[in-house]
PDB file of all heavy atoms in Angstrom:
ATOM      1  N   PRO A   1      90.699  81.046 103.783  1.00  0.00           N
ATOM      2  CA  PRO A   1      91.651  81.535 102.788  1.00  0.00           C
ATOM      3  C   PRO A   1      91.333  82.956 102.341  1.00  0.00           C
ATOM      4  O   PRO A   1      90.163  83.326 102.225  1.00  0.00           O
ATOM      5  CB  PRO A   1      91.457  80.564 101.621  1.00  0.00           C
ATOM      6  CG  PRO A   1      90.018  80.148 101.723  1.00  0.00           C
ATOM      7  CD  PRO A   1      89.726  80.098 103.188  1.00  0.00           C
ATOM      8  N   THR A   2      92.373  83.744 102.120  1.00  0.00           N
ATOM      9  CA  THR A   2      92.256  85.067 101.530  1.00  0.00           C
ATOM     10  C   THR A   2      93.093  85.096 100.253  1.00  0.00           C
ATOM     11  O   THR A   2      94.238  84.631 100.257  1.00  0.00           O
ATOM     12  CB  THR A   2      92.746  86.153 102.506  1.00  0.00           C
ATOM     13  OG1 THR A   2      91.808  86.272 103.588  1.00  0.00           O
ATOM     14  CG2 THR A   2      92.859  87.508 101.814  1.00  0.00           C
ATOM     15  N   LEU A   3      92.515  85.618  99.187  1.00  0.00           N
ATOM     16  CA  LEU A   3      93.184  85.690  97.892  1.00  0.00           C
ATOM     17  C   LEU A   3      93.430  87.154  97.546  1.00  0.00           C
ATOM     18  O   LEU A   3      92.489  87.954  97.535  1.00  0.00           O
ATOM     19  CB  LEU A   3      92.327  85.033  96.815  1.00  0.00           C
ATOM     20  CG  LEU A   3      91.938  83.576  97.084  1.00  0.00           C
ATOM     21  CD1 LEU A   3      90.914  83.102  96.058  1.00  0.00           C
ATOM     22  CD2 LEU A   3      93.161  82.672  97.073  1.00  0.00           C
ATOM     23  N   ILE A   4      94.680  87.504  97.270  1.00  0.00           N
ATOM     24  CA  ILE A   4      95.044  88.875  96.931  1.00  0.00           C
ATOM     25  C   ILE A   4      95.577  88.899  95.508  1.00  0.00           C
ATOM     26  O   ILE A   4      96.519  88.180  95.177  1.00  0.00           O
ATOM     27  CB  ILE A   4      96.088  89.430  97.922  1.00  0.00           C
ATOM     28  CG1 ILE A   4      95.476  89.488  99.329  1.00  0.00           C
ATOM     29  CG2 ILE A   4      96.581  90.801  97.480  1.00  0.00           C
ATOM     30  CD1 ILE A   4      96.413  90.016 100.385  1.00  0.00           C
ATOM     31  N   ILE A   5      94.947  89.713  94.672  1.00  0.00           N
ATOM     32  CA  ILE A   5      95.276  89.768  93.256  1.00  0.00           C
ATOM     33  C   ILE A   5      96.076  91.019  92.969  1.00  0.00           C
ATOM     34  O   ILE A   5      95.585  92.147  93.121  1.00  0.00           O
ATOM     35  CB  ILE A   5      94.005  89.743  92.384  1.00  0.00           C
ATOM     36  CG1 ILE A   5      93.262  88.412  92.557  1.00  0.00           C
ATOM     37  CG2 ILE A   5      94.350  89.929  90.900  1.00  0.00           C
ATOM     38  CD1 ILE A   5      92.344  88.354  93.741  1.00  0.00           C
ATOM     39  N   ASP A   6      97.346  90.820  92.598  1.00  0.00           N
ATOM     40  CA  ASP A   6      98.256  91.892  92.218  1.00  0.00           C
ATOM     41  C   ASP A   6      98.419  92.964  93.291  1.00  0.00           C
ATOM     42  O   ASP A   6      98.688  94.127  92.989  1.00  0.00           O
ATOM     43  CB  ASP A   6      97.791  92.531  90.902  1.00  0.00           C
ATOM     44  CG  ASP A   6      98.945  92.692  89.924  1.00  0.00           C
ATOM     45  OD1 ASP A   6      99.933  91.940  90.044  1.00  0.00           O
ATOM     46  OD2 ASP A   6      98.870  93.555  89.043  1.00  0.00           O
ATOM     47  N   ARG A   7      98.231  92.579  94.531  1.00  0.00           N
ATOM     48  CA  ARG A   7      98.363  93.496  95.671  1.00  0.00           C
ATOM     49  C   ARG A   7      97.407  94.684  95.545  1.00  0.00           C
ATOM     50  O   ARG A   7      97.607  95.722  96.170  1.00  0.00           O
ATOM     51  CB  ARG A   7      99.810  93.969  95.842  1.00  0.00           C
ATOM     52  CG  ARG A   7     100.791  92.806  95.879  1.00  0.00           C
ATOM     53  CD  ARG A   7     102.162  93.187  96.358  1.00  0.00           C
ATOM     54  NE  ARG A   7     102.991  91.977  96.426  1.00  0.00           N
ATOM     55  CZ  ARG A   7     104.032  91.833  97.233  1.00  0.00           C
ATOM     56  NH1 ARG A   7     104.383  92.804  98.033  1.00  0.00           N
ATOM     57  NH2 ARG A   7     104.721  90.720  97.229  1.00  0.00           N
ATOM     58  N   ARG A   8      96.354  94.500  94.759  1.00  0.00           N
ATOM     59  CA  ARG A   8      95.408  95.577  94.491  1.00  0.00           C
ATOM     60  C   ARG A   8      93.990  95.228  94.936  1.00  0.00           C
ATOM     61  O   ARG A   8      93.244  96.077  95.410  1.00  0.00           O
ATOM     62  CB  ARG A   8      95.405  95.894  92.985  1.00  0.00           C
ATOM     63  CG  ARG A   8      94.664  97.155  92.579  1.00  0.00           C
ATOM     64  CD  ARG A   8      95.373  98.389  93.083  1.00  0.00           C
ATOM     65  NE  ARG A   8      94.722  99.615  92.716  1.00  0.00           N
ATOM     66  CZ  ARG A   8      95.281 100.572  91.992  1.00  0.00           C
ATOM     67  NH1 ARG A   8      96.508 100.417  91.540  1.00  0.00           N
ATOM     68  NH2 ARG A   8      94.633 101.681  91.721  1.00  0.00           N
ATOM     69  N   TYR A   9      93.624  93.961  94.781  1.00  0.00           N
ATOM     70  CA  TYR A   9      92.283  93.503  95.126  1.00  0.00           C
ATOM     71  C   TYR A   9      92.383  92.271  96.032  1.00  0.00           C
ATOM     72  O   TYR A   9      93.345  91.512  95.940  1.00  0.00           O
ATOM     73  CB  TYR A   9      91.495  93.118  93.866  1.00  0.00           C
ATOM     74  CG  TYR A   9      91.464  94.189  92.817  1.00  0.00           C
ATOM     75  CD1 TYR A   9      92.336  94.142  91.731  1.00  0.00           C
ATOM     76  CD2 TYR A   9      90.572  95.255  92.896  1.00  0.00           C
ATOM     77  CE1 TYR A   9      92.326  95.128  90.762  1.00  0.00           C
ATOM     78  CE2 TYR A   9      90.552  96.244  91.932  1.00  0.00           C
ATOM     79  CZ  TYR A   9      91.432  96.184  90.871  1.00  0.00           C
ATOM     80  OH  TYR A   9      91.425  97.167  89.906  1.00  0.00           O
ATOM     81  N   TRP A  10      91.365  92.088  96.876  1.00  0.00           N
ATOM     82  CA  TRP A  10      91.352  90.870  97.680  1.00  0.00           C
ATOM     83  C   TRP A  10      89.934  90.352  97.848  1.00  0.00           C
ATOM     84  O   TRP A  10      88.964  91.096  97.789  1.00  0.00           O
ATOM     85  CB  TRP A  10      92.006  91.087  99.048  1.00  0.00           C
ATOM     86  CG  TRP A  10      91.252  91.942 100.022  1.00  0.00           C
ATOM     87  CD1 TRP A  10      91.330  93.303 100.156  1.00  0.00           C
ATOM     88  CD2 TRP A  10      90.320  91.499 101.015  1.00  0.00           C
ATOM     89  NE1 TRP A  10      90.513  93.732 101.168  1.00  0.00           N
ATOM     90  CE2 TRP A  10      89.876  92.644 101.715  1.00  0.00           C
ATOM     91  CE3 TRP A  10      89.816  90.248 101.384  1.00  0.00           C
ATOM     92  CZ2 TRP A  10      88.957  92.584 102.765  1.00  0.00           C
ATOM     93  CZ3 TRP A  10      88.901  90.170 102.432  1.00  0.00           C
ATOM     94  CH2 TRP A  10      88.485  91.329 103.103  1.00  0.00           C
ATOM     95  N   THR A  11      89.865  89.040  98.006  1.00  0.00           N
ATOM     96  CA  THR A  11      88.592  88.387  98.273  1.00  0.00           C
ATOM     97  C   THR A  11      88.856  87.207  99.193  1.00  0.00           C
ATOM     98  O   THR A  11      90.005  86.870  99.490  1.00  0.00           O
ATOM     99  CB  THR A  11      87.897  87.952  96.966  1.00  0.00           C
ATOM    100  OG1 THR A  11      86.573  87.496  97.260  1.00  0.00           O
ATOM    101  CG2 THR A  11      88.679  86.847  96.267  1.00  0.00           C
ATOM    102  N   SER A  12      87.796  86.586  99.646  1.00  0.00           N
ATOM    103  CA  SER A  12      87.927  85.454 100.562  1.00  0.00           C
ATOM    104  C   SER A  12      86.787  84.483 100.323  1.00  0.00           C
ATOM    105  O   SER A  12      85.811  84.796  99.627  1.00  0.00           O
ATOM    106  CB  SER A  12      87.896  85.947 102.020  1.00  0.00           C
ATOM    107  OG  SER A  12      86.604  86.467 102.322  1.00  0.00           O
ATOM    108  N   ALA A  13      86.902  83.306 100.914  1.00  0.00           N
ATOM    109  CA  ALA A  13      85.833  82.321 100.772  1.00  0.00           C
ATOM    110  C   ALA A  13      84.523  82.862 101.322  1.00  0.00           C
ATOM    111  O   ALA A  13      83.451  82.622 100.766  1.00  0.00           O
ATOM    112  CB  ALA A  13      86.221  81.030 101.488  1.00  0.00           C
ATOM    113  N   GLY A  14      84.615  83.620 102.410  1.00  0.00           N
ATOM    114  CA  GLY A  14      83.409  84.193 102.998  1.00  0.00           C
ATOM    115  C   GLY A  14      82.734  85.207 102.095  1.00  0.00           C
ATOM    116  O   GLY A  14      81.506  85.339 102.099  1.00  0.00           O
ATOM    117  N   MET A  15      83.514  85.936 101.301  1.00  0.00           N
ATOM    118  CA  MET A  15      82.945  86.931 100.390  1.00  0.00           C
ATOM    119  C   MET A  15      82.396  86.264  99.131  1.00  0.00           C
ATOM    120  O   MET A  15      81.314  86.608  98.662  1.00  0.00           O
ATOM    121  CB  MET A  15      84.003  87.977 100.031  1.00  0.00           C
ATOM    122  CG  MET A  15      84.500  88.767 101.212  1.00  0.00           C
ATOM    123  SD  MET A  15      85.739  90.007 100.759  1.00  0.00           S
ATOM    124  CE  MET A  15      84.676  91.296 100.098  1.00  0.00           C
ATOM    125  N   ILE A  16      83.137  85.306  98.592  1.00  0.00           N
ATOM    126  CA  ILE A  16      82.682  84.628  97.379  1.00  0.00           C
ATOM    127  C   ILE A  16      81.467  83.757  97.671  1.00  0.00           C
ATOM    128  O   ILE A  16      80.535  83.677  96.881  1.00  0.00           O
ATOM    129  CB  ILE A  16      83.830  83.779  96.790  1.00  0.00           C
ATOM    130  CG1 ILE A  16      84.970  84.691  96.326  1.00  0.00           C
ATOM    131  CG2 ILE A  16      83.333  82.938  95.620  1.00  0.00           C
ATOM    132  CD1 ILE A  16      86.211  83.941  95.891  1.00  0.00           C
ATOM    133  N   GLN A  17      81.500  83.099  98.845  1.00  0.00           N
ATOM    134  CA  GLN A  17      80.397  82.312  99.391  1.00  0.00           C
ATOM    135  C   GLN A  17      80.112  81.008  98.665  1.00  0.00           C
ATOM    136  O   GLN A  17      79.670  80.051  99.275  1.00  0.00           O
ATOM    137  CB  GLN A  17      79.116  83.154  99.481  1.00  0.00           C
ATOM    138  CG  GLN A  17      79.241  84.329 100.433  1.00  0.00           C
ATOM    139  CD  GLN A  17      77.936  85.056 100.635  1.00  0.00           C
ATOM    140  OE1 GLN A  17      77.127  85.156  99.732  1.00  0.00           O
ATOM    141  NE2 GLN A  17      77.732  85.571 101.829  1.00  0.00           N
ATOM    142  N   SER A  18      80.339  80.915  97.380  1.00  0.00           N
ATOM    143  CA  SER A  18      80.122  79.680  96.647  1.00  0.00           C
ATOM    144  C   SER A  18      81.350  79.335  95.829  1.00  0.00           C
ATOM    145  O   SER A  18      81.886  80.185  95.116  1.00  0.00           O
ATOM    146  CB  SER A  18      78.913  79.808  95.707  1.00  0.00           C
ATOM    147  OG  SER A  18      78.868  78.725  94.797  1.00  0.00           O
ATOM    148  N   ARG A  19      81.801  78.095  95.911  1.00  0.00           N
ATOM    149  CA  ARG A  19      82.941  77.666  95.107  1.00  0.00           C
ATOM    150  C   ARG A  19      82.625  77.766  93.621  1.00  0.00           C
ATOM    151  O   ARG A  19      83.536  77.920  92.803  1.00  0.00           O
ATOM    152  CB  ARG A  19      83.320  76.233  95.491  1.00  0.00           C
ATOM    153  CG  ARG A  19      83.958  76.144  96.876  1.00  0.00           C
ATOM    154  CD  ARG A  19      84.035  74.728  97.389  1.00  0.00           C
ATOM    155  NE  ARG A  19      84.881  73.889  96.565  1.00  0.00           N
ATOM    156  CZ  ARG A  19      85.055  72.583  96.792  1.00  0.00           C
ATOM    157  NH1 ARG A  19      84.417  72.001  97.780  1.00  0.00           N
ATOM    158  NH2 ARG A  19      85.850  71.889  95.997  1.00  0.00           N
ATOM    159  N   ASP A  20      81.345  77.715  93.272  1.00  0.00           N
ATOM    160  CA  ASP A  20      80.951  77.858  91.865  1.00  0.00           C
ATOM    161  C   ASP A  20      81.283  79.242  91.324  1.00  0.00           C
ATOM    162  O   ASP A  20      81.410  79.420  90.108  1.00  0.00           O
ATOM    163  CB  ASP A  20      79.443  77.611  91.708  1.00  0.00           C
ATOM    164  CG  ASP A  20      79.063  76.162  91.957  1.00  0.00           C
ATOM    165  OD1 ASP A  20      79.947  75.294  91.823  1.00  0.00           O
ATOM    166  OD2 ASP A  20      77.899  75.904  92.291  1.00  0.00           O
ATOM    167  N   ARG A  21      81.410  80.222  92.210  1.00  0.00           N
ATOM    168  CA  ARG A  21      81.659  81.598  91.780  1.00  0.00           C
ATOM    169  C   ARG A  21      83.137  81.972  91.812  1.00  0.00           C
ATOM    170  O   ARG A  21      83.508  83.055  91.385  1.00  0.00           O
ATOM    171  CB  ARG A  21      80.868  82.575  92.660  1.00  0.00           C
ATOM    172  CG  ARG A  21      79.368  82.370  92.613  1.00  0.00           C
ATOM    173  CD  ARG A  21      78.628  83.432  93.421  1.00  0.00           C
ATOM    174  NE  ARG A  21      78.743  84.735  92.814  1.00  0.00           N
ATOM    175  CZ  ARG A  21      79.313  85.800  93.385  1.00  0.00           C
ATOM    176  NH1 ARG A  21      79.849  85.686  94.579  1.00  0.00           N
ATOM    177  NH2 ARG A  21      79.361  86.943  92.760  1.00  0.00           N
ATOM    178  N   LEU A  22      83.974  81.089  92.334  1.00  0.00           N
ATOM    179  CA  LEU A  22      85.392  81.420  92.502  1.00  0.00           C
ATOM    180  C   LEU A  22      86.039  81.833  91.191  1.00  0.00           C
ATOM    181  O   LEU A  22      86.685  82.883  91.103  1.00  0.00           O
ATOM    182  CB  LEU A  22      86.143  80.230  93.097  1.00  0.00           C
ATOM    183  CG  LEU A  22      87.663  80.397  93.207  1.00  0.00           C
ATOM    184  CD1 LEU A  22      88.022  81.472  94.220  1.00  0.00           C
ATOM    185  CD2 LEU A  22      88.320  79.068  93.591  1.00  0.00           C
ATOM    186  N   ALA A  23      85.888  81.016  90.143  1.00  0.00           N
ATOM    187  CA  ALA A  23      86.558  81.287  88.871  1.00  0.00           C
ATOM    188  C   ALA A  23      86.093  82.604  88.270  1.00  0.00           C
ATOM    189  O   ALA A  23      86.907  83.385  87.763  1.00  0.00           O
ATOM    190  CB  ALA A  23      86.310  80.139  87.888  1.00  0.00           C
ATOM    191  N   SER A  24      84.781  82.884  88.334  1.00  0.00           N
ATOM    192  CA  SER A  24      84.276  84.117  87.731  1.00  0.00           C
ATOM    193  C   SER A  24      84.775  85.342  88.487  1.00  0.00           C
ATOM    194  O   SER A  24      85.089  86.373  87.871  1.00  0.00           O
ATOM    195  CB  SER A  24      82.746  84.105  87.670  1.00  0.00           C
ATOM    196  OG  SER A  24      82.183  84.036  88.966  1.00  0.00           O
ATOM    197  N   VAL A  25      84.876  85.254  89.817  1.00  0.00           N
ATOM    198  CA  VAL A  25      85.394  86.383  90.606  1.00  0.00           C
ATOM    199  C   VAL A  25      86.874  86.593  90.293  1.00  0.00           C
ATOM    200  O   VAL A  25      87.318  87.729  90.067  1.00  0.00           O
ATOM    201  CB  VAL A  25      85.179  86.146  92.119  1.00  0.00           C
ATOM    202  CG1 VAL A  25      85.918  87.213  92.936  1.00  0.00           C
ATOM    203  CG2 VAL A  25      83.693  86.161  92.458  1.00  0.00           C
ATOM    204  N   LEU A  26      87.658  85.516  90.241  1.00  0.00           N
ATOM    205  CA  LEU A  26      89.081  85.644  89.925  1.00  0.00           C
ATOM    206  C   LEU A  26      89.295  86.144  88.504  1.00  0.00           C
ATOM    207  O   LEU A  26      90.197  86.954  88.256  1.00  0.00           O
ATOM    208  CB  LEU A  26      89.792  84.313  90.138  1.00  0.00           C
ATOM    209  CG  LEU A  26      89.948  83.857  91.592  1.00  0.00           C
ATOM    210  CD1 LEU A  26      90.654  82.515  91.653  1.00  0.00           C
ATOM    211  CD2 LEU A  26      90.688  84.885  92.438  1.00  0.00           C
ATOM    212  N   ASP A  27      88.473  85.676  87.566  1.00  0.00           N
ATOM    213  CA  ASP A  27      88.565  86.165  86.181  1.00  0.00           C
ATOM    214  C   ASP A  27      88.341  87.677  86.137  1.00  0.00           C
ATOM    215  O   ASP A  27      89.072  88.415  85.443  1.00  0.00           O
ATOM    216  CB  ASP A  27      87.527  85.478  85.295  1.00  0.00           C
ATOM    217  CG  ASP A  27      87.927  84.078  84.888  1.00  0.00           C
ATOM    218  OD1 ASP A  27      89.114  83.731  85.012  1.00  0.00           O
ATOM    219  OD2 ASP A  27      87.033  83.312  84.447  1.00  0.00           O
ATOM    220  N   TYR A  28      87.351  88.124  86.857  1.00  0.00           N
ATOM    221  CA  TYR A  28      87.018  89.561  86.858  1.00  0.00           C
ATOM    222  C   TYR A  28      88.158  90.374  87.470  1.00  0.00           C
ATOM    223  O   TYR A  28      88.553  91.414  86.916  1.00  0.00           O
ATOM    224  CB  TYR A  28      85.727  89.785  87.639  1.00  0.00           C
ATOM    225  CG  TYR A  28      85.333  91.234  87.739  1.00  0.00           C
ATOM    226  CD1 TYR A  28      84.701  91.888  86.675  1.00  0.00           C
ATOM    227  CD2 TYR A  28      85.576  91.973  88.897  1.00  0.00           C
ATOM    228  CE1 TYR A  28      84.343  93.220  86.764  1.00  0.00           C
ATOM    229  CE2 TYR A  28      85.229  93.301  88.993  1.00  0.00           C
ATOM    230  CZ  TYR A  28      84.611  93.926  87.924  1.00  0.00           C
ATOM    231  OH  TYR A  28      84.263  95.257  88.013  1.00  0.00           O
ATOM    232  N   LEU A  29      88.693  89.908  88.589  1.00  0.00           N
ATOM    233  CA  LEU A  29      89.766  90.653  89.250  1.00  0.00           C
ATOM    234  C   LEU A  29      91.058  90.603  88.440  1.00  0.00           C
ATOM    235  O   LEU A  29      91.813  91.582  88.425  1.00  0.00           O
ATOM    236  CB  LEU A  29      89.987  90.105  90.664  1.00  0.00           C
ATOM    237  CG  LEU A  29      88.799  90.288  91.617  1.00  0.00           C
ATOM    238  CD1 LEU A  29      89.106  89.698  92.979  1.00  0.00           C
ATOM    239  CD2 LEU A  29      88.413  91.766  91.743  1.00  0.00           C
ATOM    240  N   LEU A  30      91.298  89.506  87.748  1.00  0.00           N
ATOM    241  CA  LEU A  30      92.451  89.441  86.839  1.00  0.00           C
ATOM    242  C   LEU A  30      92.295  90.453  85.714  1.00  0.00           C
ATOM    243  O   LEU A  30      93.252  91.161  85.362  1.00  0.00           O
ATOM    244  CB  LEU A  30      92.581  88.032  86.260  1.00  0.00           C
ATOM    245  CG  LEU A  30      93.639  87.831  85.164  1.00  0.00           C
ATOM    246  CD1 LEU A  30      95.030  88.174  85.673  1.00  0.00           C
ATOM    247  CD2 LEU A  30      93.594  86.402  84.638  1.00  0.00           C
ATOM    248  N   GLU A  31      91.092  90.555  85.170  1.00  0.00           N
ATOM    249  CA  GLU A  31      90.837  91.537  84.111  1.00  0.00           C
ATOM    250  C   GLU A  31      91.041  92.958  84.626  1.00  0.00           C
ATOM    251  O   GLU A  31      91.672  93.783  83.953  1.00  0.00           O
ATOM    252  CB  GLU A  31      89.401  91.373  83.602  1.00  0.00           C
ATOM    253  CG  GLU A  31      89.024  92.372  82.519  1.00  0.00           C
ATOM    254  CD  GLU A  31      87.574  92.252  82.096  1.00  0.00           C
ATOM    255  OE1 GLU A  31      86.806  91.540  82.768  1.00  0.00           O
ATOM    256  OE2 GLU A  31      87.204  92.897  81.098  1.00  0.00           O
ATOM    257  N   GLN A  32      90.546  93.243  85.836  1.00  0.00           N
ATOM    258  CA  GLN A  32      90.705  94.584  86.404  1.00  0.00           C
ATOM    259  C   GLN A  32      92.179  94.894  86.674  1.00  0.00           C
ATOM    260  O   GLN A  32      92.646  96.008  86.417  1.00  0.00           O
ATOM    261  CB  GLN A  32      89.895  94.702  87.702  1.00  0.00           C
ATOM    262  CG  GLN A  32      88.393  94.577  87.521  1.00  0.00           C
ATOM    263  CD  GLN A  32      87.849  95.592  86.544  1.00  0.00           C
ATOM    264  OE1 GLN A  32      88.039  96.798  86.704  1.00  0.00           O
ATOM    265  NE2 GLN A  32      87.166  95.106  85.518  1.00  0.00           N
ATOM    266  N   ALA A  33      92.909  93.909  87.175  1.00  0.00           N
ATOM    267  CA  ALA A  33      94.339  94.108  87.442  1.00  0.00           C
ATOM    268  C   ALA A  33      95.104  94.358  86.150  1.00  0.00           C
ATOM    269  O   ALA A  33      95.992  95.216  86.092  1.00  0.00           O
ATOM    270  CB  ALA A  33      94.906  92.894  88.173  1.00  0.00           C
ATOM    271  N   SER A  34      94.745  93.623  85.098  1.00  0.00           N
ATOM    272  CA  SER A  34      95.420  93.794  83.805  1.00  0.00           C
ATOM    273  C   SER A  34      95.119  95.162  83.210  1.00  0.00           C
ATOM    274  O   SER A  34      96.021  95.826  82.669  1.00  0.00           O
ATOM    275  CB  SER A  34      94.976  92.693  82.836  1.00  0.00           C
ATOM    276  OG  SER A  34      95.328  91.414  83.333  1.00  0.00           O
ATOM    277  N   LEU A  35      93.871  95.608  83.318  1.00  0.00           N
ATOM    278  CA  LEU A  35      93.505  96.938  82.829  1.00  0.00           C
ATOM    279  C   LEU A  35      94.250  98.013  83.600  1.00  0.00           C
ATOM    280  O   LEU A  35      94.715  99.001  83.020  1.00  0.00           O
ATOM    281  CB  LEU A  35      91.987  97.143  82.957  1.00  0.00           C
ATOM    282  CG  LEU A  35      91.107  96.355  81.990  1.00  0.00           C
ATOM    283  CD1 LEU A  35      89.630  96.503  82.379  1.00  0.00           C
ATOM    284  CD2 LEU A  35      91.326  96.841  80.558  1.00  0.00           C
ATOM    285  N   ASN A  36      94.362  97.830  84.893  1.00  0.00           N
ATOM    286  CA  ASN A  36      95.071  98.798  85.727  1.00  0.00           C
ATOM    287  C   ASN A  36      96.543  98.878  85.347  1.00  0.00           C
ATOM    288  O   ASN A  36      97.122  99.964  85.272  1.00  0.00           O
ATOM    289  CB  ASN A  36      94.926  98.422  87.202  1.00  0.00           C
ATOM    290  CG  ASN A  36      95.590  99.422  88.124  1.00  0.00           C
ATOM    291  OD1 ASN A  36      95.184 100.574  88.207  1.00  0.00           O
ATOM    292  ND2 ASN A  36      96.623  98.982  88.819  1.00  0.00           N
TER     293      ASN A  36
END
């Protein structure tokens, strides 16, 4: 899977590496997208 946030940022399962980190990575990218 590849996740693209606001057509500005992207991540993947291979980059996140742990399902435990998924929410924190998405939270961070959502914050960055909102600031942008």
